[in-house]
Amino acid sequence: MKDKLGDLSRINRIIKTLALVNSTDDFCQHPQVVNGFSELMGEGFGEGDGIGARSALAANTLPGNIAAKIELIIELKE
């Protein structure tokens, strides 16, 4: 995000997080995996502004065999 925004202080709040978690068919704890990301954002931006709505989905494969892909919808300060 910093590369695109130039400065993370431009972020007012995180509105929504969508996470795709690379996992096997029998793994069903995707939300717990994403909790770590949400906790980090809460520490960085404050619990009220750093943790928005969240969705976590399983994926059998992700590009480059990455562990997770996270997409954010954020609100910027004016």
PDB file of N, CA and C in Angstrom:
ATOM      1  N   MET A   1       0.814  -1.172   0.000  1.00  0.00           N
ATOM      2  CA  MET A   1       0.000   0.000   0.000  1.00  0.00           C
ATOM      3  C   MET A   1       0.868   1.250   0.000  1.00  0.00           C
ATOM      4  N   LYS A   2       1.961   1.180   0.739  1.00  0.00           N
ATOM      5  CA  LYS A   2       2.816   2.360   0.838  1.00  0.00           C
ATOM      6  C   LYS A   2       3.360   2.763  -0.527  1.00  0.00           C
ATOM      7  N   ASP A   3       3.688   1.781  -1.364  1.00  0.00           N
ATOM      8  CA  ASP A   3       4.182   2.094  -2.708  1.00  0.00           C
ATOM      9  C   ASP A   3       3.148   2.862  -3.513  1.00  0.00           C
ATOM     10  N   LYS A   4       1.885   2.508  -3.364  1.00  0.00           N
ATOM     11  CA  LYS A   4       0.812   3.159  -4.126  1.00  0.00           C
ATOM     12  C   LYS A   4       0.408   4.498  -3.530  1.00  0.00           C
ATOM     13  N   LEU A   5       0.381   4.580  -2.195  1.00  0.00           N
ATOM     14  CA  LEU A   5      -0.109   5.791  -1.529  1.00  0.00           C
ATOM     15  C   LEU A   5       0.988   6.797  -1.227  1.00  0.00           C
ATOM     16  N   GLY A   6       2.210   6.324  -1.124  1.00  0.00           N
ATOM     17  CA  GLY A   6       3.306   7.212  -0.772  1.00  0.00           C
ATOM     18  C   GLY A   6       3.488   7.342   0.736  1.00  0.00           C
ATOM     19  N   ASP A   7       2.386   7.331   1.471  1.00  0.00           N
ATOM     20  CA  ASP A   7       2.440   7.499   2.918  1.00  0.00           C
ATOM     21  C   ASP A   7       1.215   6.834   3.536  1.00  0.00           C
ATOM     22  N   LEU A   8       1.433   5.906   4.449  1.00  0.00           N
ATOM     23  CA  LEU A   8       0.313   5.186   5.055  1.00  0.00           C
ATOM     24  C   LEU A   8      -0.557   6.070   5.939  1.00  0.00           C
ATOM     25  N   SER A   9      -0.056   7.237   6.315  1.00  0.00           N
ATOM     26  CA  SER A   9      -0.867   8.143   7.133  1.00  0.00           C
ATOM     27  C   SER A   9      -2.042   8.715   6.344  1.00  0.00           C
ATOM     28  N   ARG A  10      -2.071   8.499   5.044  1.00  0.00           N
ATOM     29  CA  ARG A  10      -3.207   8.934   4.221  1.00  0.00           C
ATOM     30  C   ARG A  10      -4.436   8.056   4.431  1.00  0.00           C
ATOM     31  N   ILE A  11      -4.265   6.895   5.046  1.00  0.00           N
ATOM     32  CA  ILE A  11      -5.384   5.976   5.269  1.00  0.00           C
ATOM     33  C   ILE A  11      -6.206   6.450   6.464  1.00  0.00           C
ATOM     34  N   ASN A  12      -7.485   6.630   6.244  1.00  0.00           N
ATOM     35  CA  ASN A  12      -8.395   6.999   7.323  1.00  0.00           C
ATOM     36  C   ASN A  12      -8.871   5.757   8.067  1.00  0.00           C
ATOM     37  N   ARG A  13      -9.285   4.730   7.295  1.00  0.00           N
ATOM     38  CA  ARG A  13      -9.730   3.490   7.930  1.00  0.00           C
ATOM     39  C   ARG A  13      -9.791   2.369   6.906  1.00  0.00           C
ATOM     40  N   ILE A  14      -9.779   1.156   7.399  1.00  0.00           N
ATOM     41  CA  ILE A  14      -9.977  -0.026   6.567  1.00  0.00           C
ATOM     42  C   ILE A  14     -11.463  -0.352   6.600  1.00  0.00           C
ATOM     43  N   ILE A  15     -12.065  -0.418   5.430  1.00  0.00           N
ATOM     44  CA  ILE A  15     -13.492  -0.701   5.333  1.00  0.00           C
ATOM     45  C   ILE A  15     -13.738  -2.201   5.275  1.00  0.00           C
ATOM     46  N   LYS A  16     -12.988  -2.904   4.417  1.00  0.00           N
ATOM     47  CA  LYS A  16     -13.211  -4.343   4.266  1.00  0.00           C
ATOM     48  C   LYS A  16     -11.925  -5.048   3.863  1.00  0.00           C
ATOM     49  N   THR A  17     -11.750  -6.248   4.402  1.00  0.00           N
ATOM     50  CA  THR A  17     -10.639  -7.129   4.056  1.00  0.00           C
ATOM     51  C   THR A  17     -11.211  -8.402   3.454  1.00  0.00           C
ATOM     52  N   LEU A  18     -10.688  -8.795   2.304  1.00  0.00           N
ATOM     53  CA  LEU A  18     -11.018 -10.083   1.696  1.00  0.00           C
ATOM     54  C   LEU A  18      -9.717 -10.868   1.613  1.00  0.00           C
ATOM     55  N   ALA A  19      -9.692 -12.039   2.231  1.00  0.00           N
ATOM     56  CA  ALA A  19      -8.487 -12.859   2.240  1.00  0.00           C
ATOM     57  C   ALA A  19      -8.757 -14.205   1.595  1.00  0.00           C
ATOM     58  N   LEU A  20      -7.862 -14.598   0.708  1.00  0.00           N
ATOM     59  CA  LEU A  20      -7.861 -15.937   0.123  1.00  0.00           C
ATOM     60  C   LEU A  20      -6.695 -16.682   0.760  1.00  0.00           C
ATOM     61  N   VAL A  21      -6.991 -17.786   1.414  1.00  0.00           N
ATOM     62  CA  VAL A  21      -5.980 -18.548   2.143  1.00  0.00           C
ATOM     63  C   VAL A  21      -5.689 -19.836   1.388  1.00  0.00           C
ATOM     64  N   ASN A  22      -4.432 -20.046   1.032  1.00  0.00           N
ATOM     65  CA  ASN A  22      -4.002 -21.253   0.340  1.00  0.00           C
ATOM     66  C   ASN A  22      -4.070 -22.412   1.333  1.00  0.00           C
ATOM     67  N   SER A  23      -4.933 -23.385   1.071  1.00  0.00           N
ATOM     68  CA  SER A  23      -5.120 -24.464   2.040  1.00  0.00           C
ATOM     69  C   SER A  23      -5.581 -25.747   1.363  1.00  0.00           C
ATOM     70  N   THR A  24      -5.527 -26.806   2.121  1.00  0.00           N
ATOM     71  CA  THR A  24      -6.019 -28.096   1.643  1.00  0.00           C
ATOM     72  C   THR A  24      -7.532 -28.165   1.832  1.00  0.00           C
ATOM     73  N   ASP A  25      -8.146 -29.158   1.198  1.00  0.00           N
ATOM     74  CA  ASP A  25      -9.603 -29.296   1.265  1.00  0.00           C
ATOM     75  C   ASP A  25     -10.125 -29.504   2.689  1.00  0.00           C
ATOM     76  N   ASP A  26      -9.337 -30.125   3.549  1.00  0.00           N
ATOM     77  CA  ASP A  26      -9.824 -30.425   4.898  1.00  0.00           C
ATOM     78  C   ASP A  26      -9.542 -29.324   5.924  1.00  0.00           C
ATOM     79  N   PHE A  27      -8.878 -28.257   5.517  1.00  0.00           N
ATOM     80  CA  PHE A  27      -8.593 -27.146   6.435  1.00  0.00           C
ATOM     81  C   PHE A  27      -9.762 -26.168   6.425  1.00  0.00           C
ATOM     82  N   CYS A  28     -10.267 -25.825   7.599  1.00  0.00           N
ATOM     83  CA  CYS A  28     -11.434 -24.931   7.642  1.00  0.00           C
ATOM     84  C   CYS A  28     -11.275 -23.806   8.663  1.00  0.00           C
ATOM     85  N   GLN A  29     -10.044 -23.429   8.961  1.00  0.00           N
ATOM     86  CA  GLN A  29      -9.815 -22.360   9.934  1.00  0.00           C
ATOM     87  C   GLN A  29      -9.276 -21.098   9.269  1.00  0.00           C
ATOM     88  N   HIS A  30      -9.799 -20.788   8.104  1.00  0.00           N
ATOM     89  CA  HIS A  30      -9.343 -19.610   7.358  1.00  0.00           C
ATOM     90  C   HIS A  30      -9.485 -18.320   8.162  1.00  0.00           C
ATOM     91  N   PRO A  31     -10.614 -18.136   8.879  1.00  0.00           N
ATOM     92  CA  PRO A  31     -10.742 -16.891   9.649  1.00  0.00           C
ATOM     93  C   PRO A  31      -9.632 -16.710  10.683  1.00  0.00           C
ATOM     94  N   GLN A  32      -9.195 -17.788  11.312  1.00  0.00           N
ATOM     95  CA  GLN A  32      -8.130 -17.686  12.299  1.00  0.00           C
ATOM     96  C   GLN A  32      -6.817 -17.262  11.652  1.00  0.00           C
ATOM     97  N   VAL A  33      -6.574 -17.707  10.432  1.00  0.00           N
ATOM     98  CA  VAL A  33      -5.366 -17.302   9.710  1.00  0.00           C
ATOM     99  C   VAL A  33      -5.398 -15.798   9.467  1.00  0.00           C
ATOM    100  N   VAL A  34      -6.545 -15.286   9.092  1.00  0.00           N
ATOM    101  CA  VAL A  34      -6.683 -13.869   8.748  1.00  0.00           C
ATOM    102  C   VAL A  34      -6.715 -12.990  10.004  1.00  0.00           C
ATOM    103  N   ASN A  35      -7.037 -13.566  11.148  1.00  0.00           N
ATOM    104  CA  ASN A  35      -7.046 -12.785  12.384  1.00  0.00           C
ATOM    105  C   ASN A  35      -5.706 -12.106  12.642  1.00  0.00           C
ATOM    106  N   GLY A  36      -4.612 -12.773  12.315  1.00  0.00           N
ATOM    107  CA  GLY A  36      -3.287 -12.177  12.503  1.00  0.00           C
ATOM    108  C   GLY A  36      -3.130 -10.897  11.712  1.00  0.00           C
ATOM    109  N   PHE A  37      -3.608 -10.892  10.478  1.00  0.00           N
ATOM    110  CA  PHE A  37      -3.553  -9.679   9.656  1.00  0.00           C
ATOM    111  C   PHE A  37      -4.414  -8.585  10.272  1.00  0.00           C
ATOM    112  N   SER A  38      -5.620  -8.940  10.690  1.00  0.00           N
ATOM    113  CA  SER A  38      -6.530  -7.957  11.279  1.00  0.00           C
ATOM    114  C   SER A  38      -5.954  -7.363  12.561  1.00  0.00           C
ATOM    115  N   GLU A  39      -5.326  -8.203  13.372  1.00  0.00           N
ATOM    116  CA  GLU A  39      -4.704  -7.710  14.600  1.00  0.00           C
ATOM    117  C   GLU A  39      -3.574  -6.735  14.288  1.00  0.00           C
ATOM    118  N   LEU A  40      -2.782  -7.037  13.271  1.00  0.00           N
ATOM    119  CA  LEU A  40      -1.697  -6.145  12.861  1.00  0.00           C
ATOM    120  C   LEU A  40      -2.246  -4.804  12.384  1.00  0.00           C
ATOM    121  N   MET A  41      -3.303  -4.831  11.580  1.00  0.00           N
ATOM    122  CA  MET A  41      -3.915  -3.587  11.107  1.00  0.00           C
ATOM    123  C   MET A  41      -4.532  -2.807  12.274  1.00  0.00           C
ATOM    124  N   GLY A  42      -5.097  -3.522  13.237  1.00  0.00           N
ATOM    125  CA  GLY A  42      -5.648  -2.875  14.424  1.00  0.00           C
ATOM    126  C   GLY A  42      -4.571  -2.173  15.238  1.00  0.00           C
ATOM    127  N   GLU A  43      -3.398  -2.799  15.337  1.00  0.00           N
ATOM    128  CA  GLU A  43      -2.277  -2.174  16.042  1.00  0.00           C
ATOM    129  C   GLU A  43      -1.781  -0.944  15.297  1.00  0.00           C
ATOM    130  N   GLY A  44      -1.750  -1.026  13.977  1.00  0.00           N
ATOM    131  CA  GLY A  44      -1.214   0.073  13.177  1.00  0.00           C
ATOM    132  C   GLY A  44      -2.157   1.256  13.026  1.00  0.00           C
ATOM    133  N   PHE A  45      -3.450   0.980  12.883  1.00  0.00           N
ATOM    134  CA  PHE A  45      -4.411   2.042  12.590  1.00  0.00           C
ATOM    135  C   PHE A  45      -5.437   2.241  13.700  1.00  0.00           C
ATOM    136  N   GLY A  46      -5.340   1.479  14.763  1.00  0.00           N
ATOM    137  CA  GLY A  46      -6.311   1.562  15.853  1.00  0.00           C
ATOM    138  C   GLY A  46      -7.403   0.531  15.647  1.00  0.00           C
ATOM    139  N   GLU A  47      -7.898  -0.002  16.736  1.00  0.00           N
ATOM    140  CA  GLU A  47      -8.873  -1.088  16.632  1.00  0.00           C
ATOM    141  C   GLU A  47     -10.139  -0.656  15.896  1.00  0.00           C
ATOM    142  N   GLY A  48     -10.578   0.569  16.105  1.00  0.00           N
ATOM    143  CA  GLY A  48     -11.791   1.039  15.437  1.00  0.00           C
ATOM    144  C   GLY A  48     -11.605   1.267  13.954  1.00  0.00           C
ATOM    145  N   ASP A  49     -10.449   1.796  13.552  1.00  0.00           N
ATOM    146  CA  ASP A  49     -10.210   2.126  12.143  1.00  0.00           C
ATOM    147  C   ASP A  49      -9.439   1.054  11.394  1.00  0.00           C
ATOM    148  N   GLY A  50      -8.739   0.189  12.107  1.00  0.00           N
ATOM    149  CA  GLY A  50      -7.890  -0.798  11.458  1.00  0.00           C
ATOM    150  C   GLY A  50      -8.551  -2.137  11.201  1.00  0.00           C
ATOM    151  N   ILE A  51      -9.710  -2.355  11.810  1.00  0.00           N
ATOM    152  CA  ILE A  51     -10.400  -3.630  11.622  1.00  0.00           C
ATOM    153  C   ILE A  51     -11.799  -3.346  11.099  1.00  0.00           C
ATOM    154  N   GLY A  52     -12.004  -3.603   9.831  1.00  0.00           N
ATOM    155  CA  GLY A  52     -13.321  -3.423   9.226  1.00  0.00           C
ATOM    156  C   GLY A  52     -14.000  -4.768   9.046  1.00  0.00           C
ATOM    157  N   ALA A  53     -14.940  -4.817   8.139  1.00  0.00           N
ATOM    158  CA  ALA A  53     -15.599  -6.081   7.801  1.00  0.00           C
ATOM    159  C   ALA A  53     -14.561  -7.024   7.196  1.00  0.00           C
ATOM    160  N   ARG A  54     -14.731  -8.328   7.436  1.00  0.00           N
ATOM    161  CA  ARG A  54     -13.740  -9.290   6.951  1.00  0.00           C
ATOM    162  C   ARG A  54     -14.409 -10.507   6.350  1.00  0.00           C
ATOM    163  N   SER A  55     -13.783 -11.024   5.297  1.00  0.00           N
ATOM    164  CA  SER A  55     -14.185 -12.292   4.691  1.00  0.00           C
ATOM    165  C   SER A  55     -12.925 -13.100   4.452  1.00  0.00           C
ATOM    166  N   ALA A  56     -12.991 -14.394   4.753  1.00  0.00           N
ATOM    167  CA  ALA A  56     -11.862 -15.292   4.527  1.00  0.00           C
ATOM    168  C   ALA A  56     -12.361 -16.498   3.745  1.00  0.00           C
ATOM    169  N   LEU A  57     -11.687 -16.793   2.645  1.00  0.00           N
ATOM    170  CA  LEU A  57     -12.068 -17.902   1.773  1.00  0.00           C
ATOM    171  C   LEU A  57     -10.878 -18.819   1.549  1.00  0.00           C
ATOM    172  N   ALA A  58     -11.164 -20.085   1.297  1.00  0.00           N
ATOM    173  CA  ALA A  58     -10.120 -21.057   0.994  1.00  0.00           C
ATOM    174  C   ALA A  58      -9.835 -21.067  -0.497  1.00  0.00           C
ATOM    175  N   ALA A  59      -8.587 -21.330  -0.821  1.00  0.00           N
ATOM    176  CA  ALA A  59      -8.179 -21.504  -2.213  1.00  0.00           C
ATOM    177  C   ALA A  59      -7.208 -22.680  -2.258  1.00  0.00           C
ATOM    178  N   ASN A  60      -7.404 -23.577  -3.203  1.00  0.00           N
ATOM    179  CA  ASN A  60      -6.490 -24.720  -3.323  1.00  0.00           C
ATOM    180  C   ASN A  60      -5.153 -24.326  -3.923  1.00  0.00           C
ATOM    181  N   THR A  61      -5.155 -23.282  -4.721  1.00  0.00           N
ATOM    182  CA  THR A  61      -3.905 -22.777  -5.284  1.00  0.00           C
ATOM    183  C   THR A  61      -3.990 -21.263  -5.387  1.00  0.00           C
ATOM    184  N   LEU A  62      -2.857 -20.634  -5.188  1.00  0.00           N
ATOM    185  CA  LEU A  62      -2.730 -19.193  -5.382  1.00  0.00           C
ATOM    186  C   LEU A  62      -1.482 -18.953  -6.221  1.00  0.00           C
ATOM    187  N   PRO A  63      -1.416 -17.855  -6.945  1.00  0.00           N
ATOM    188  CA  PRO A  63      -0.258 -17.591  -7.802  1.00  0.00           C
ATOM    189  C   PRO A  63       1.056 -17.649  -7.019  1.00  0.00           C
ATOM    190  N   GLY A  64       2.031 -18.315  -7.586  1.00  0.00           N
ATOM    191  CA  GLY A  64       3.335 -18.423  -6.941  1.00  0.00           C
ATOM    192  C   GLY A  64       3.316 -19.229  -5.656  1.00  0.00           C
ATOM    193  N   ASN A  65       2.244 -19.976  -5.435  1.00  0.00           N
ATOM    194  CA  ASN A  65       2.080 -20.784  -4.228  1.00  0.00           C
ATOM    195  C   ASN A  65       2.184 -19.942  -2.950  1.00  0.00           C
ATOM    196  N   ILE A  66       1.723 -18.675  -3.022  1.00  0.00           N
ATOM    197  CA  ILE A  66       1.750 -17.815  -1.840  1.00  0.00           C
ATOM    198  C   ILE A  66       0.772 -18.338  -0.796  1.00  0.00           C
ATOM    199  N   ALA A  67       0.994 -18.014   0.464  1.00  0.00           N
ATOM    200  CA  ALA A  67       0.157 -18.512   1.557  1.00  0.00           C
ATOM    201  C   ALA A  67      -1.211 -17.847   1.591  1.00  0.00           C
ATOM    202  N   ALA A  68      -1.257 -16.562   1.271  1.00  0.00           N
ATOM    203  CA  ALA A  68      -2.530 -15.842   1.321  1.00  0.00           C
ATOM    204  C   ALA A  68      -2.468 -14.629   0.408  1.00  0.00           C
ATOM    205  N   LYS A  69      -3.619 -14.259  -0.096  1.00  0.00           N
ATOM    206  CA  LYS A  69      -3.752 -13.036  -0.888  1.00  0.00           C
ATOM    207  C   LYS A  69      -4.792 -12.183  -0.181  1.00  0.00           C
ATOM    208  N   ILE A  70      -4.448 -10.931   0.059  1.00  0.00           N
ATOM    209  CA  ILE A  70      -5.349 -10.055   0.802  1.00  0.00           C
ATOM    210  C   ILE A  70      -5.679  -8.837  -0.040  1.00  0.00           C
ATOM    211  N   GLU A  71      -6.969  -8.568  -0.142  1.00  0.00           N
ATOM    212  CA  GLU A  71      -7.456  -7.374  -0.825  1.00  0.00           C
ATOM    213  C   GLU A  71      -8.130  -6.489   0.207  1.00  0.00           C
ATOM    214  N   LEU A  72      -7.902  -5.190   0.089  1.00  0.00           N
ATOM    215  CA  LEU A  72      -8.482  -4.238   1.033  1.00  0.00           C
ATOM    216  C   LEU A  72      -9.300  -3.184   0.310  1.00  0.00           C
ATOM    217  N   ILE A  73     -10.359  -2.764   0.950  1.00  0.00           N
ATOM    218  CA  ILE A  73     -11.054  -1.540   0.570  1.00  0.00           C
ATOM    219  C   ILE A  73     -10.764  -0.570   1.702  1.00  0.00           C
ATOM    220  N   ILE A  74     -10.152   0.552   1.361  1.00  0.00           N
ATOM    221  CA  ILE A  74      -9.782   1.529   2.381  1.00  0.00           C
ATOM    222  C   ILE A  74     -10.421   2.876   2.080  1.00  0.00           C
ATOM    223  N   GLU A  75     -10.530   3.675   3.111  1.00  0.00           N
ATOM    224  CA  GLU A  75     -10.999   5.051   2.966  1.00  0.00           C
ATOM    225  C   GLU A  75      -9.799   5.955   3.220  1.00  0.00           C
ATOM    226  N   LEU A  76      -9.564   6.879   2.299  1.00  0.00           N
ATOM    227  CA  LEU A  76      -8.448   7.805   2.451  1.00  0.00           C
ATOM    228  C   LEU A  76      -8.909   9.086   3.127  1.00  0.00           C
ATOM    229  N   LYS A  77      -7.982   9.716   3.825  1.00  0.00           N
ATOM    230  CA  LYS A  77      -8.259  11.023   4.419  1.00  0.00           C
ATOM    231  C   LYS A  77      -8.335  12.056   3.306  1.00  0.00           C
ATOM    232  N   GLU A  78      -9.108  13.078   3.539  1.00  0.00           N
ATOM    233  CA  GLU A  78      -9.223  14.142   2.524  1.00  0.00           C
ATOM    234  C   GLU A  78      -8.093  15.121   2.642  1.00  0.00           C
TER     235      GLU A  78
END
